[in-house]
Amino acid sequence: MRSTAAVLSILLPGALACLGYEGGVPKPTAHYSNSKVIEIAAGQVFDAGWAKYDRGSGACSGDSEGSWQDAVFYLHSGATLKNVIIGKDQAEGVHCDGPCNLEFVWFEDVCEDAITI
């Protein structure tokens, strides 16, 4: 039979990880509205520094299916997007062309799709 300490040492880290951050969407350091998708090349890292990015007022047209050209960010295979807030004015959030890395990507709201891989 396993000791209580051994069982706790196995289960406690997973339980604590579930506590997570509960402060809501982080406060943006800047705000950028772009008329075109931002492409991140294969293998490149885009660190937004907690800025908010969107596609401008009226970009969300309901539930109509968009493409990668409608996204805020388009990541080529192996690209990384991190420390970013996707604003509510967008039709598509992030499109990945193959495997990509997303680290601390927040969404104010989701129009049609948040992340497409």
Protein backbone atom coordinates (compact mmCIF):
# COMPACT_ATOMS: atom_id res chain seq x y z
CA MET A 1 0.00 0.00 0.00
CA ARG A 2 1.28 3.47 -0.84
CA SER A 3 1.87 5.99 1.89
CA THR A 4 -0.23 9.13 2.11
CA ALA A 5 2.84 11.28 1.44
CA ALA A 6 3.63 9.38 -1.75
CA VAL A 7 0.07 9.71 -3.03
CA LEU A 8 -0.01 13.43 -2.21
CA SER A 9 3.30 14.01 -3.96
CA ILE A 10 1.77 12.53 -7.11
CA LEU A 11 -1.65 14.20 -7.00
CA LEU A 12 -0.93 17.61 -5.45
CA PRO A 13 0.98 19.21 -8.38
CA GLY A 14 -1.86 18.39 -10.78
CA ALA A 15 -4.48 19.72 -8.40
CA LEU A 16 -2.58 22.97 -7.85
CA ALA A 17 -2.12 23.44 -11.60
CA CYS A 18 -5.91 23.53 -11.97
CA LEU A 19 -6.11 26.64 -9.79
CA GLY A 20 -4.65 28.77 -12.58
CA TYR A 21 -5.01 32.48 -13.23
CA GLU A 22 -8.43 33.95 -12.46
CA GLY A 23 -7.86 37.65 -13.15
CA GLY A 24 -9.67 37.84 -16.50
CA VAL A 25 -8.15 39.05 -19.75
CA PRO A 26 -4.86 40.89 -19.07
CA LYS A 27 -4.73 44.67 -19.56
CA PRO A 28 -3.19 45.40 -22.99
CA THR A 29 0.01 47.42 -23.23
CA ALA A 30 -1.00 48.75 -26.69
CA HIS A 31 -3.77 48.29 -29.29
CA TYR A 32 -3.27 47.61 -33.01
CA SER A 33 -6.05 47.32 -35.61
CA ASN A 34 -4.79 45.89 -38.88
CA SER A 35 -6.62 45.75 -42.20
CA LYS A 36 -4.70 42.60 -43.23
CA VAL A 37 -3.66 39.37 -41.56
CA ILE A 38 -0.29 39.34 -39.77
CA GLU A 39 1.80 36.44 -41.07
CA ILE A 40 4.44 34.80 -38.91
CA ALA A 41 7.04 32.85 -40.89
CA ALA A 42 7.91 29.22 -40.22
CA GLY A 43 10.09 28.87 -37.16
CA GLN A 44 9.75 32.55 -36.16
CA VAL A 45 8.56 33.82 -32.76
CA PHE A 46 6.16 36.78 -32.49
CA ASP A 47 6.10 38.11 -28.92
CA ALA A 48 3.36 40.75 -28.78
CA GLY A 49 4.37 42.00 -25.33
CA TRP A 50 0.73 41.85 -24.16
CA ALA A 51 -0.54 44.16 -26.90
CA LYS A 52 -4.08 43.74 -28.24
CA TYR A 53 -4.55 43.04 -31.96
CA ASP A 54 -7.75 43.01 -34.02
CA ARG A 55 -9.00 43.63 -37.57
CA GLY A 56 -10.98 46.82 -36.89
CA SER A 57 -14.60 47.69 -36.23
CA GLY A 58 -17.08 45.61 -38.23
CA ALA A 59 -14.68 42.73 -38.87
CA CYS A 60 -17.03 40.23 -37.23
CA SER A 61 -19.76 39.32 -39.70
CA GLY A 62 -21.51 36.74 -37.56
CA ASP A 63 -21.14 33.02 -38.04
CA SER A 64 -20.14 33.09 -41.71
CA GLU A 65 -17.10 30.88 -42.32
CA GLY A 66 -13.94 32.83 -43.05
CA SER A 67 -10.50 31.81 -44.27
CA TRP A 68 -6.94 32.41 -43.12
CA GLN A 69 -7.01 35.83 -44.84
CA ASP A 70 -9.69 36.91 -42.34
CA ALA A 71 -7.60 35.95 -39.30
CA VAL A 72 -5.72 38.35 -37.05
CA PHE A 73 -2.64 36.07 -37.18
CA TYR A 74 -1.56 33.42 -39.68
CA LEU A 75 1.24 31.16 -38.43
CA HIS A 76 3.25 29.08 -40.84
CA SER A 77 4.39 25.63 -39.69
CA GLY A 78 6.53 25.81 -36.56
CA ALA A 79 5.84 29.50 -35.84
CA THR A 80 5.18 30.77 -32.31
CA LEU A 81 2.72 33.44 -31.14
CA LYS A 82 2.91 34.53 -27.52
CA ASN A 83 1.84 37.14 -24.98
CA VAL A 84 -1.01 38.54 -27.07
CA ILE A 85 -4.63 39.57 -26.64
CA ILE A 86 -6.92 39.06 -29.64
CA GLY A 87 -9.52 41.84 -29.58
CA LYS A 88 -13.24 41.40 -30.16
CA ASP A 89 -13.13 43.07 -33.60
CA GLN A 90 -12.14 40.04 -35.67
CA ALA A 91 -13.78 37.30 -37.69
CA GLU A 92 -11.06 34.69 -37.20
CA GLY A 93 -8.46 34.76 -34.45
CA VAL A 94 -5.45 32.57 -35.23
CA HIS A 95 -4.88 30.23 -38.19
CA CYS A 96 -2.00 27.74 -38.12
CA ASP A 97 -0.69 26.13 -41.30
CA GLY A 98 0.46 22.93 -39.62
CA PRO A 99 1.89 22.64 -36.11
CA CYS A 100 2.35 25.95 -34.29
CA ASN A 101 3.05 27.13 -30.76
CA LEU A 102 0.61 29.35 -28.89
CA GLU A 103 1.75 30.68 -25.52
CA PHE A 104 -0.48 32.92 -23.42
CA VAL A 105 -2.90 33.85 -26.22
CA TRP A 106 -6.03 35.52 -24.82
CA PHE A 107 -9.32 36.38 -26.55
CA GLU A 108 -11.63 39.27 -25.56
CA ASP A 109 -14.40 37.56 -27.49
CA VAL A 110 -14.68 35.04 -30.31
CA CYS A 111 -16.61 35.87 -33.47
CA GLU A 112 -16.46 32.78 -35.70
CA ASP A 113 -13.33 30.81 -34.78
CA ALA A 114 -10.69 31.42 -32.13
CA ILE A 115 -8.00 29.00 -33.34
CA THR A 116 -7.89 26.97 -36.56
CA ILE A 117 -5.19 24.37 -37.18
